[in-house]
Amino acid sequence: SELEWLDLQTDTLVRTIAGESPMFSSDGSTLATSRLRSSGEYQFWNTKSGTLRSTLKLGTGTGSGSTATLSSSGTLFAITTGISDADHAIRLWDVERGSLLGHCRGHKQWIRSVAFSPDGKTLASASDDSSLKLWNVTTQQELLSIQSLGSSFTTLVFSQDGQWLAAGSRG
């Protein structure tokens, strides 16, 4: 599929991109687009210049039900491999270098949502195992695990100041 990237200030088309599932970093510096079905990759675009910054080749292991997020600055990327992942891990990537920083492991079922704190130091994740976990991004170590009885969270979002985390579930 194709995405149209529009500049709303000038009402012009920046470019047409082959891809899907676009997401912007919250500072607006980076646009990420997925090409998982066709080539197993994510592309990261510089929004000031409209040029391709980097490409992460994730391979065919990332599939249905994968979830991803960009850090506020667009320098870090977290992605799960989807429903069929037996490892139930989150992969952390350095966007600039295109290098894998490590894995956050500890969930026992499908990871439905991931979110970076505004400072990029903490990652939150929610799984079908009814747990919500906070991770140290640098060390990939679990900082906190909260068990929710009877439901799993499907949406996570940090407040802009990083003081609050909202976790929602589909009812």
Protein backbone atom coordinates (compact mmCIF):
# COMPACT_ATOMS: atom_id res chain seq x y z
CA SER A 1 0.00 0.00 0.00
CA GLU A 2 1.01 3.63 -0.37
CA LEU A 3 1.11 6.50 2.11
CA GLU A 4 0.88 10.15 1.22
CA TRP A 5 3.00 12.42 3.39
CA LEU A 6 1.51 15.91 3.45
CA ASP A 7 2.91 19.23 4.68
CA LEU A 8 -0.13 20.93 6.18
CA GLN A 9 1.66 24.30 6.52
CA THR A 10 2.21 24.60 2.77
CA ASP A 11 -0.59 22.26 1.68
CA THR A 12 1.83 20.22 -0.44
CA LEU A 13 2.64 16.57 -0.92
CA VAL A 14 6.11 15.82 0.54
CA ARG A 15 6.26 12.36 -1.01
CA THR A 16 4.40 9.14 -1.61
CA ILE A 17 5.85 6.22 0.34
CA ALA A 18 5.35 2.50 -0.18
CA GLY A 19 4.35 1.33 3.27
CA GLU A 20 1.75 1.23 6.00
CA SER A 21 1.22 1.96 9.71
CA PRO A 22 2.83 5.42 9.81
CA MET A 23 3.84 6.94 13.15
CA PHE A 24 5.54 10.20 14.08
CA SER A 25 7.87 10.73 17.00
CA SER A 26 6.20 13.12 19.46
CA ASP A 27 8.78 15.84 18.74
CA GLY A 28 7.83 15.59 15.06
CA SER A 29 11.38 14.95 13.84
CA THR A 30 10.84 11.40 12.58
CA LEU A 31 8.24 9.55 10.54
CA ALA A 32 8.34 5.75 10.70
CA THR A 33 6.66 3.59 8.08
CA SER A 34 6.28 -0.18 7.98
CA ARG A 35 6.94 -2.45 5.05
CA LEU A 36 6.62 -5.65 7.07
CA ARG A 37 4.47 -7.58 4.60
CA SER A 38 6.62 -6.88 1.53
CA SER A 39 10.18 -6.68 2.84
CA GLY A 40 10.11 -7.12 6.64
CA GLU A 41 11.41 -3.63 7.37
CA TYR A 42 10.69 -0.24 8.88
CA GLN A 43 11.84 3.00 7.30
CA PHE A 44 12.59 6.18 9.26
CA TRP A 45 12.27 9.57 7.59
CA ASN A 46 13.68 12.98 8.56
CA THR A 47 10.64 15.28 8.59
CA LYS A 48 12.64 18.50 8.13
CA SER A 49 14.33 17.37 4.91
CA GLY A 50 11.79 14.75 3.78
CA THR A 51 14.61 12.26 3.28
CA LEU A 52 15.10 8.67 4.40
CA ARG A 53 17.17 8.53 7.63
CA SER A 54 17.54 4.79 8.04
CA THR A 55 16.01 1.39 7.41
CA LEU A 56 15.69 -1.45 9.91
CA LYS A 57 15.55 -4.87 8.31
CA LEU A 58 13.56 -6.94 10.77
CA GLY A 59 13.09 -9.97 8.56
CA THR A 60 10.05 -12.15 8.28
CA GLY A 61 9.82 -12.96 12.00
CA THR A 62 7.67 -9.91 12.64
CA GLY A 63 4.08 -10.63 11.78
CA SER A 64 0.45 -10.41 12.68
CA GLY A 65 -0.22 -8.63 15.93
CA SER A 66 3.15 -6.94 16.20
CA THR A 67 3.11 -3.55 17.92
CA ALA A 68 5.67 -0.77 17.73
CA THR A 69 6.50 2.65 19.13
CA LEU A 70 9.03 5.43 18.59
CA SER A 71 10.68 7.38 21.38
CA SER A 72 9.81 11.08 21.67
CA SER A 73 13.04 12.08 19.91
CA GLY A 74 12.69 9.43 17.20
CA THR A 75 16.05 7.87 18.08
CA LEU A 76 14.76 4.66 19.70
CA PHE A 77 12.30 2.13 18.33
CA ALA A 78 10.60 -0.76 20.15
CA ILE A 79 8.75 -3.57 18.39
CA THR A 80 7.20 -6.91 19.30
CA THR A 81 7.15 -9.78 16.84
CA GLY A 82 3.46 -10.55 17.12
CA ILE A 83 0.98 -13.19 18.17
CA SER A 84 3.06 -16.18 17.10
CA ASP A 85 6.19 -15.10 19.04
CA ALA A 86 7.00 -17.87 21.53
CA ASP A 87 9.61 -15.63 23.22
CA HIS A 88 7.14 -12.77 23.96
CA ALA A 89 9.98 -10.26 23.75
CA ILE A 90 10.30 -6.61 22.82
CA ARG A 91 13.22 -5.70 20.58
CA LEU A 92 14.83 -2.30 21.14
CA TRP A 93 16.57 -0.60 18.22
CA ASP A 94 18.83 2.42 17.72
CA VAL A 95 17.20 4.16 14.74
CA GLU A 96 20.32 6.10 13.64
CA ARG A 97 22.66 3.12 13.62
CA GLY A 98 20.07 0.54 12.64
CA SER A 99 21.40 -1.65 15.43
CA LEU A 100 19.63 -3.89 17.91
CA LEU A 101 20.17 -2.62 21.46
CA GLY A 102 18.63 -5.65 23.16
CA HIS A 103 15.48 -7.49 24.21
CA CYS A 104 13.02 -7.00 27.05
CA ARG A 105 11.83 -10.45 28.10
CA GLY A 106 9.40 -11.46 30.81
CA HIS A 107 5.87 -11.53 29.44
CA LYS A 108 4.24 -14.93 29.13
CA GLN A 109 1.75 -14.14 26.33
CA TRP A 110 1.20 -11.82 23.36
CA ILE A 111 2.37 -8.24 23.98
CA ARG A 112 -0.42 -5.91 22.86
CA SER A 113 1.02 -2.46 23.52
CA VAL A 114 4.35 -0.69 24.07
CA ALA A 115 5.07 2.98 24.90
CA PHE A 116 8.19 5.02 25.66
CA SER A 117 8.27 7.57 28.46
CA PRO A 118 8.88 11.11 27.15
CA ASP A 119 12.56 11.03 28.21
CA GLY A 120 13.09 7.67 26.44
CA LYS A 121 14.53 6.03 29.56
CA THR A 122 11.56 3.80 30.38
CA LEU A 123 9.45 1.51 28.20
CA ALA A 124 6.00 0.30 29.25
CA SER A 125 4.49 -2.91 27.89
CA ALA A 126 1.16 -4.67 28.32
CA SER A 127 0.43 -8.31 27.57
CA ASP A 128 -2.39 -10.82 27.33
CA ASP A 129 -0.87 -12.39 30.46
CA SER A 130 -2.65 -9.51 32.31
CA SER A 131 0.64 -7.82 33.19
CA LEU A 132 1.88 -4.31 32.69
CA LYS A 133 5.67 -3.98 32.88
CA LEU A 134 8.08 -1.07 33.04
CA TRP A 135 11.58 -1.56 31.60
CA ASN A 136 14.88 0.29 31.84
CA VAL A 137 15.65 1.02 28.18
CA THR A 138 19.44 1.13 28.68
CA THR A 139 19.74 -2.20 30.50
CA GLN A 140 16.51 -3.88 29.25
CA GLN A 141 15.86 -4.87 32.88
CA GLU A 142 12.36 -5.07 34.30
CA LEU A 143 11.72 -2.23 36.77
CA LEU A 144 8.15 -3.02 37.80
CA SER A 145 5.41 -5.52 37.02
CA ILE A 146 1.74 -4.93 37.79
CA GLN A 147 -0.74 -7.78 37.52
CA SER A 148 -4.29 -6.88 36.47
CA LEU A 149 -6.85 -9.44 37.53
CA GLY A 150 -9.15 -10.58 34.77
CA SER A 151 -8.25 -8.21 31.96
CA SER A 152 -5.32 -7.28 29.79
CA PHE A 153 -4.38 -3.76 28.77
CA THR A 154 -4.46 -2.98 25.07
CA THR A 155 -3.39 0.67 25.09
CA LEU A 156 -0.61 2.49 26.93
CA VAL A 157 0.23 6.19 26.92
CA PHE A 158 2.52 8.34 29.07
CA SER A 159 1.64 11.92 30.00
CA GLN A 160 3.88 14.53 28.37
CA ASP A 161 5.77 15.15 31.62
CA GLY A 162 6.30 11.39 32.15
CA GLN A 163 4.67 11.44 35.56
CA TRP A 164 1.61 9.39 34.59
CA LEU A 165 0.88 6.27 32.60
CA ALA A 166 -2.63 5.49 31.40
CA ALA A 167 -3.46 1.87 30.58
CA GLY A 168 -6.70 1.03 28.83
CA SER A 169 -8.45 -2.22 28.01
CA ARG A 170 -11.17 -3.13 25.60
CA GLY A 171 -14.27 -4.04 27.44
